[in-house]
Amino acid sequence: MVTRDDIESFLDRLATEGTAYQEVEPGLWIIHPGGVIDFDVVCHYNPPVVVLRVKVMDLPADDNACNGLARRLLQLNASDLVHGSYGIEQEAVVLTEALELSHLDYEEFLAAYESMTLALTSHLRELATYREAR
């Protein structure tokens, strides 16, 4: 099984690609992708999984906009996301990915991380239209 130290070594490898991270408590890191993405990715080592999560935006206050956003997020889950998914937590849209530790390797971790950052890059402009409805 992948350990907390293994996850930290995965993060060290990401850092060689220009990503920064900091551990805010044992087993909980904030990853700063850099570049055009101005979002932090939270990485939580929580056996038997490691969870990657990004807060994308607050929900719009307008009910019609919120309904349209929820529908569009479901469509994106079905068509554009391979592993992770958009969801709603409290009053925010989040993008989440959970990876099983029992067989996780760096390549799978990297693929999940890159899938999330790519989704954010490609979906952000469209999702921003719902943010403006707030």
Protein backbone atom coordinates (compact mmCIF):
# COMPACT_ATOMS: atom_id res chain seq x y z
CA MET A 1 0.00 0.00 0.00
CA VAL A 2 1.16 3.52 -0.79
CA THR A 3 2.20 5.42 2.33
CA ARG A 4 2.05 9.08 3.30
CA ASP A 5 5.77 9.32 2.49
CA ASP A 6 5.11 7.87 -0.97
CA ILE A 7 2.51 10.60 -1.62
CA GLU A 8 5.03 13.21 -0.53
CA SER A 9 7.58 11.75 -2.95
CA PHE A 10 4.93 12.00 -5.72
CA LEU A 11 4.51 15.66 -4.80
CA ASP A 12 8.28 16.14 -4.87
CA ARG A 13 8.29 14.78 -8.43
CA LEU A 14 5.49 17.19 -9.37
CA ALA A 15 7.58 20.02 -7.94
CA THR A 16 10.34 19.31 -10.46
CA GLU A 17 7.74 20.19 -13.14
CA GLY A 18 7.11 23.66 -11.66
CA THR A 19 4.40 22.82 -9.15
CA ALA A 20 4.76 23.98 -5.55
CA TYR A 21 3.18 22.39 -2.50
CA GLN A 22 3.10 22.71 1.25
CA GLU A 23 1.95 20.35 3.96
CA VAL A 24 -0.57 22.15 6.16
CA GLU A 25 -1.06 19.21 8.53
CA PRO A 26 0.09 15.60 8.48
CA GLY A 27 -1.27 13.96 5.34
CA LEU A 28 -2.85 17.16 3.98
CA TRP A 29 -1.12 19.21 1.29
CA ILE A 30 -2.01 22.28 -0.72
CA ILE A 31 -0.67 22.07 -4.28
CA HIS A 32 -0.10 25.27 -6.25
CA PRO A 33 -0.10 24.28 -9.95
CA GLY A 34 1.19 27.62 -11.22
CA GLY A 35 0.81 28.78 -14.80
CA VAL A 36 -2.64 29.84 -16.00
CA ILE A 37 -4.44 27.92 -13.26
CA ASP A 38 -5.07 30.10 -10.23
CA PHE A 39 -6.56 27.34 -8.10
CA ASP A 40 -5.04 25.29 -5.33
CA VAL A 41 -5.45 21.53 -5.33
CA VAL A 42 -5.91 19.91 -1.93
CA CYS A 43 -4.33 16.47 -1.56
CA HIS A 44 -5.53 14.44 1.43
CA TYR A 45 -3.94 11.13 2.36
CA ASN A 46 -6.86 9.27 3.95
CA PRO A 47 -6.30 5.49 3.74
CA PRO A 48 -7.50 3.55 1.88
CA VAL A 49 -7.58 6.47 -0.59
CA VAL A 50 -5.86 9.72 -1.44
CA VAL A 51 -8.28 12.47 -2.42
CA LEU A 52 -7.52 15.36 -4.76
CA ARG A 53 -9.99 18.25 -4.55
CA VAL A 54 -10.35 21.75 -5.99
CA LYS A 55 -12.92 24.38 -5.10
CA VAL A 56 -13.97 25.66 -8.52
CA MET A 57 -16.46 28.38 -7.62
CA ASP A 58 -19.32 29.39 -5.38
CA LEU A 59 -22.81 28.40 -6.49
CA PRO A 60 -24.81 31.13 -8.21
CA ALA A 61 -27.53 32.70 -6.06
CA ASP A 62 -30.03 32.66 -8.93
CA ASP A 63 -32.02 29.39 -8.94
CA ASN A 64 -32.25 29.20 -12.74
CA ALA A 65 -28.51 29.70 -13.11
CA CYS A 66 -27.88 27.13 -10.38
CA ASN A 67 -30.11 24.59 -12.12
CA GLY A 68 -28.36 25.21 -15.44
CA LEU A 69 -24.98 24.87 -13.79
CA ALA A 70 -25.94 21.58 -12.11
CA ARG A 71 -27.12 20.19 -15.45
CA ARG A 72 -23.93 21.29 -17.20
CA LEU A 73 -21.73 19.77 -14.48
CA LEU A 74 -23.50 16.43 -14.94
CA GLN A 75 -22.91 16.66 -18.68
CA LEU A 76 -19.22 17.39 -18.14
CA ASN A 77 -18.96 14.45 -15.72
CA ALA A 78 -20.37 12.16 -18.41
CA SER A 79 -18.42 13.49 -21.38
CA ASP A 80 -15.15 15.13 -20.33
CA LEU A 81 -13.99 13.62 -17.04
CA VAL A 82 -12.39 10.20 -17.04
CA HIS A 83 -11.82 9.61 -13.33
CA GLY A 84 -12.91 12.58 -11.24
CA SER A 85 -16.18 14.41 -11.05
CA TYR A 86 -17.73 17.75 -10.32
CA GLY A 87 -19.94 17.95 -7.29
CA ILE A 88 -21.54 20.40 -4.92
CA GLU A 89 -20.32 20.71 -1.36
CA GLN A 90 -21.99 23.24 0.91
CA GLU A 91 -22.40 26.26 -1.40
CA ALA A 92 -19.51 25.52 -3.76
CA VAL A 93 -18.71 23.55 -6.89
CA VAL A 94 -15.79 21.18 -6.34
CA LEU A 95 -13.81 18.89 -8.60
CA THR A 96 -12.79 15.71 -6.80
CA GLU A 97 -10.74 12.63 -7.58
CA ALA A 98 -10.20 9.66 -5.23
CA LEU A 99 -7.42 7.15 -5.87
CA GLU A 100 -7.05 3.80 -4.16
CA LEU A 101 -3.77 3.48 -2.31
CA SER A 102 -3.54 -0.30 -2.67
CA HIS A 103 -2.22 -0.13 -6.24
CA LEU A 104 -1.40 3.55 -6.81
CA ASP A 105 1.79 4.50 -8.58
CA TYR A 106 3.20 7.87 -9.62
CA GLU A 107 1.92 7.62 -13.20
CA GLU A 108 -1.67 7.12 -12.02
CA PHE A 109 -1.31 9.96 -9.49
CA LEU A 110 0.11 12.24 -12.20
CA ALA A 111 -2.64 11.29 -14.66
CA ALA A 112 -5.32 12.14 -12.10
CA TYR A 113 -3.68 15.44 -11.21
CA GLU A 114 -3.23 16.40 -14.86
CA SER A 115 -6.80 15.36 -15.67
CA MET A 116 -8.07 17.76 -13.01
CA THR A 117 -5.90 20.66 -14.09
CA LEU A 118 -6.78 20.08 -17.75
CA ALA A 119 -10.49 19.99 -16.92
CA LEU A 120 -10.18 23.27 -15.03
CA THR A 121 -8.30 24.88 -17.89
CA SER A 122 -10.82 23.78 -20.51
CA HIS A 123 -14.05 24.28 -18.51
CA LEU A 124 -13.28 27.43 -16.56
CA ARG A 125 -14.37 29.98 -19.17
CA GLU A 126 -17.74 28.28 -19.59
CA LEU A 127 -18.28 27.84 -15.86
CA ALA A 128 -17.38 31.48 -15.27
CA THR A 129 -20.60 32.48 -17.04
CA TYR A 130 -22.50 30.87 -14.17
CA ARG A 131 -20.33 32.67 -11.64
CA GLU A 132 -21.37 35.98 -13.20
CA ALA A 133 -24.99 35.06 -12.54
CA ARG A 134 -24.34 35.43 -8.84
